[in-house]
Amino acid sequence: MPDAAAATRYTVRAGDQLDVFVWGEERMQRQVLVQPDGTFAFPLAGTIRADGRNITDIADEIRGRIALNYTSAPPDVTVTVRETDGTRFYVLGKVRTPGSFTSGSAPNILQALSMAGGTAEFADTGNAVILRQTRGGQIVERIKLSNLLKGARSLNPGALGTPLPTLQSGDVLLVP
């Protein structure tokens, strides 16, 4: 990760590689891979759910779990992101090159559309949607791409400072 602040805000995903360092416990230094189910195993802590969490929360959980094995204060735990799988998303429907794409960071909707080669002829850019699966169910966010594609700088008139929606891993941008 480029800087410490970005690393603490980063949301861990399946496929990420993490370094777990337990201070003063050389035998408990591990490089772990977050499995497709969003978990990894760690000595004395068992199975840790990592997907959707930041590294500080993960380190706190590991420290809390291994604390049960210490009579004195448990050692500090540091978790860092060694390597990410990138943001994998899908652009489907009436685009020139529909499919699965990977970006090093979370792309905004125009960047994602550009990676798919732009819209195809007869695309209904006024009714595009972002589909996002969350623990609470599926979110469907309607996006009016037509104004952006005509040169507007924002989805909302007069909202130059409003950032464009970004895609997260697993999101689908659907252009009917």
Protein backbone atom coordinates (compact mmCIF):
# COMPACT_ATOMS: atom_id res chain seq x y z
CA MET A 1 0.00 0.00 0.00
CA PRO A 2 1.32 3.47 -0.84
CA ASP A 3 0.94 5.12 2.57
CA ALA A 4 -0.11 4.23 6.11
CA ALA A 5 -3.36 6.24 6.03
CA ALA A 6 -4.49 4.56 2.81
CA ALA A 7 -3.55 1.16 4.21
CA THR A 8 -5.72 1.59 7.31
CA ARG A 9 -8.69 2.65 5.14
CA TYR A 10 -8.16 -0.18 2.67
CA THR A 11 -10.86 -2.86 2.76
CA VAL A 12 -9.38 -6.36 2.62
CA ARG A 13 -10.82 -8.73 0.02
CA ALA A 14 -10.53 -12.39 -0.90
CA GLY A 15 -7.28 -12.95 -2.79
CA ASP A 16 -5.30 -10.34 -0.82
CA GLN A 17 -2.01 -11.35 0.79
CA LEU A 18 -1.41 -10.04 4.30
CA ASP A 19 1.66 -9.98 6.54
CA VAL A 20 0.79 -10.63 10.18
CA PHE A 21 3.50 -9.72 12.68
CA VAL A 22 3.17 -10.59 16.38
CA TRP A 23 5.81 -8.52 18.16
CA GLY A 24 8.25 -10.60 20.20
CA GLU A 25 6.88 -13.89 18.83
CA GLU A 26 9.06 -14.82 15.88
CA ARG A 27 7.29 -18.16 15.41
CA MET A 28 4.01 -16.31 14.82
CA GLN A 29 5.07 -14.15 11.88
CA ARG A 30 3.02 -15.18 8.87
CA GLN A 31 2.18 -14.24 5.35
CA VAL A 32 -1.44 -15.26 4.81
CA LEU A 33 -3.71 -15.42 1.80
CA VAL A 34 -7.33 -14.38 2.28
CA GLN A 35 -9.28 -17.35 0.96
CA PRO A 36 -12.25 -17.12 -1.45
CA ASP A 37 -14.61 -17.33 1.54
CA GLY A 38 -12.96 -14.19 3.00
CA THR A 39 -11.09 -15.91 5.84
CA PHE A 40 -7.60 -17.04 6.81
CA ALA A 41 -6.23 -19.20 9.61
CA PHE A 42 -3.73 -17.91 12.18
CA PRO A 43 -1.99 -19.81 15.03
CA LEU A 44 -3.69 -19.46 18.43
CA ALA A 45 -6.38 -17.26 16.87
CA GLY A 46 -8.15 -19.76 14.63
CA THR A 47 -10.09 -18.65 11.58
CA ILE A 48 -10.25 -14.90 11.07
CA ARG A 49 -12.86 -13.27 8.82
CA ALA A 50 -10.98 -10.61 6.86
CA ASP A 51 -13.14 -9.81 3.82
CA GLY A 52 -14.74 -6.38 4.06
CA ARG A 53 -12.65 -5.26 7.06
CA ASN A 54 -9.68 -2.94 7.47
CA ILE A 55 -6.28 -4.10 8.71
CA THR A 56 -6.58 -2.37 12.09
CA ASP A 57 -9.77 -4.30 12.91
CA ILE A 58 -8.14 -7.56 11.83
CA ALA A 59 -5.05 -6.90 13.98
CA ASP A 60 -7.26 -6.07 17.00
CA GLU A 61 -9.21 -9.32 16.58
CA ILE A 62 -6.04 -11.40 16.35
CA ARG A 63 -4.59 -9.69 19.43
CA GLY A 64 -7.82 -10.27 21.36
CA ARG A 65 -7.90 -13.95 20.44
CA ILE A 66 -4.25 -14.70 21.21
CA ALA A 67 -4.49 -12.74 24.49
CA LEU A 68 -6.24 -15.79 25.98
CA ASN A 69 -2.92 -17.65 25.73
CA TYR A 70 -0.86 -15.11 27.73
CA THR A 71 -0.73 -14.57 31.47
CA SER A 72 0.87 -11.16 31.01
CA ALA A 73 -0.06 -8.49 28.49
CA PRO A 74 -0.36 -9.96 24.99
CA PRO A 75 2.07 -8.74 22.35
CA ASP A 76 1.13 -6.11 19.82
CA VAL A 77 -0.06 -7.33 16.43
CA THR A 78 0.54 -5.56 13.15
CA VAL A 79 -1.20 -6.48 9.89
CA THR A 80 -0.07 -5.05 6.57
CA VAL A 81 -1.25 -5.60 3.03
CA ARG A 82 1.50 -7.26 1.03
CA GLU A 83 -0.36 -7.64 -2.24
CA THR A 84 -3.88 -7.06 -3.47
CA ASP A 85 -5.83 -8.90 -6.07
CA GLY A 86 -7.00 -5.55 -7.47
CA THR A 87 -10.55 -4.37 -7.96
CA ARG A 88 -12.34 -6.87 -10.21
CA PHE A 89 -15.59 -5.60 -11.68
CA TYR A 90 -17.82 -6.27 -14.67
CA VAL A 91 -19.15 -4.03 -17.42
CA LEU A 92 -22.01 -5.68 -19.28
CA GLY A 93 -24.77 -4.89 -21.73
CA LYS A 94 -24.46 -2.56 -24.70
CA VAL A 95 -20.77 -1.73 -24.47
CA ARG A 96 -18.12 -2.39 -27.09
CA THR A 97 -16.17 -4.96 -25.05
CA PRO A 98 -18.29 -6.41 -22.23
CA GLY A 99 -16.55 -8.52 -19.64
CA SER A 100 -14.56 -8.72 -16.44
CA PHE A 101 -11.93 -6.06 -15.72
CA THR A 102 -9.31 -5.52 -13.02
CA SER A 103 -7.98 -2.18 -11.85
CA GLY A 104 -5.31 -1.37 -9.28
CA SER A 105 -7.72 1.05 -7.62
CA ALA A 106 -11.48 1.49 -7.51
CA PRO A 107 -12.38 3.01 -10.91
CA ASN A 108 -15.13 5.57 -11.31
CA ILE A 109 -17.96 4.77 -13.70
CA LEU A 110 -16.40 6.61 -16.64
CA GLN A 111 -13.06 4.86 -16.18
CA ALA A 112 -14.85 1.50 -16.07
CA LEU A 113 -16.86 2.34 -19.17
CA SER A 114 -13.66 3.39 -20.94
CA MET A 115 -12.02 0.05 -20.08
CA ALA A 116 -14.98 -1.64 -21.79
CA GLY A 117 -14.41 0.42 -24.94
CA GLY A 118 -17.31 2.81 -24.39
CA THR A 119 -20.96 2.33 -25.17
CA ALA A 120 -22.20 0.45 -28.20
CA GLU A 121 -24.73 1.78 -30.67
CA PHE A 122 -28.28 2.01 -29.28
CA ALA A 123 -27.10 1.83 -25.65
CA ASP A 124 -29.67 3.29 -23.25
CA THR A 125 -27.24 5.49 -21.32
CA GLY A 126 -30.05 7.13 -19.39
CA ASN A 127 -30.84 3.88 -17.57
CA ALA A 128 -27.51 2.30 -16.64
CA VAL A 129 -27.23 0.64 -13.23
CA ILE A 130 -24.56 -0.41 -10.78
CA LEU A 131 -25.32 -3.74 -9.13
CA ARG A 132 -23.54 -4.32 -5.81
CA GLN A 133 -23.89 -7.35 -3.56
CA THR A 134 -23.63 -6.56 0.16
CA ARG A 135 -24.19 -8.60 3.31
CA GLY A 136 -27.62 -6.97 3.52
CA GLY A 137 -28.59 -7.93 -0.03
CA GLN A 138 -28.20 -6.47 -3.49
CA ILE A 139 -28.04 -2.73 -4.09
CA VAL A 140 -29.20 -1.39 -7.45
CA GLU A 141 -28.06 2.19 -8.14
CA ARG A 142 -29.43 3.84 -11.25
CA ILE A 143 -26.91 5.98 -13.13
CA LYS A 144 -27.76 8.48 -15.83
CA LEU A 145 -24.65 8.24 -18.00
CA SER A 146 -26.17 10.24 -20.85
CA ASN A 147 -25.27 13.66 -19.39
CA LEU A 148 -21.71 12.58 -18.62
CA LEU A 149 -21.23 11.26 -22.13
CA LYS A 150 -22.40 14.59 -23.52
CA GLY A 151 -19.60 16.40 -21.68
CA ALA A 152 -21.00 17.11 -18.22
CA ARG A 153 -18.46 16.82 -15.42
CA SER A 154 -20.83 15.41 -12.84
CA LEU A 155 -24.02 13.41 -12.57
CA ASN A 156 -25.67 16.45 -10.94
CA PRO A 157 -25.72 19.86 -12.64
CA GLY A 158 -23.63 22.39 -10.74
CA ALA A 159 -21.98 19.69 -8.63
CA LEU A 160 -18.45 19.84 -10.03
CA GLY A 161 -17.03 18.79 -6.66
CA THR A 162 -19.30 15.74 -6.43
CA PRO A 163 -17.22 12.64 -7.15
CA LEU A 164 -18.47 10.11 -9.66
CA PRO A 165 -19.56 6.76 -8.20
CA THR A 166 -16.75 4.22 -8.00
CA LEU A 167 -16.96 0.50 -8.52
CA GLN A 168 -15.93 -1.99 -5.86
CA SER A 169 -14.78 -5.56 -6.34
CA GLY A 170 -17.65 -7.66 -7.60
CA ASP A 171 -19.72 -4.72 -8.86
CA VAL A 172 -21.49 -4.87 -12.20
CA LEU A 173 -22.00 -1.78 -14.38
CA LEU A 174 -24.88 -2.67 -16.67
CA VAL A 175 -25.66 -0.50 -19.70
CA PRO A 176 -28.98 -1.66 -21.25
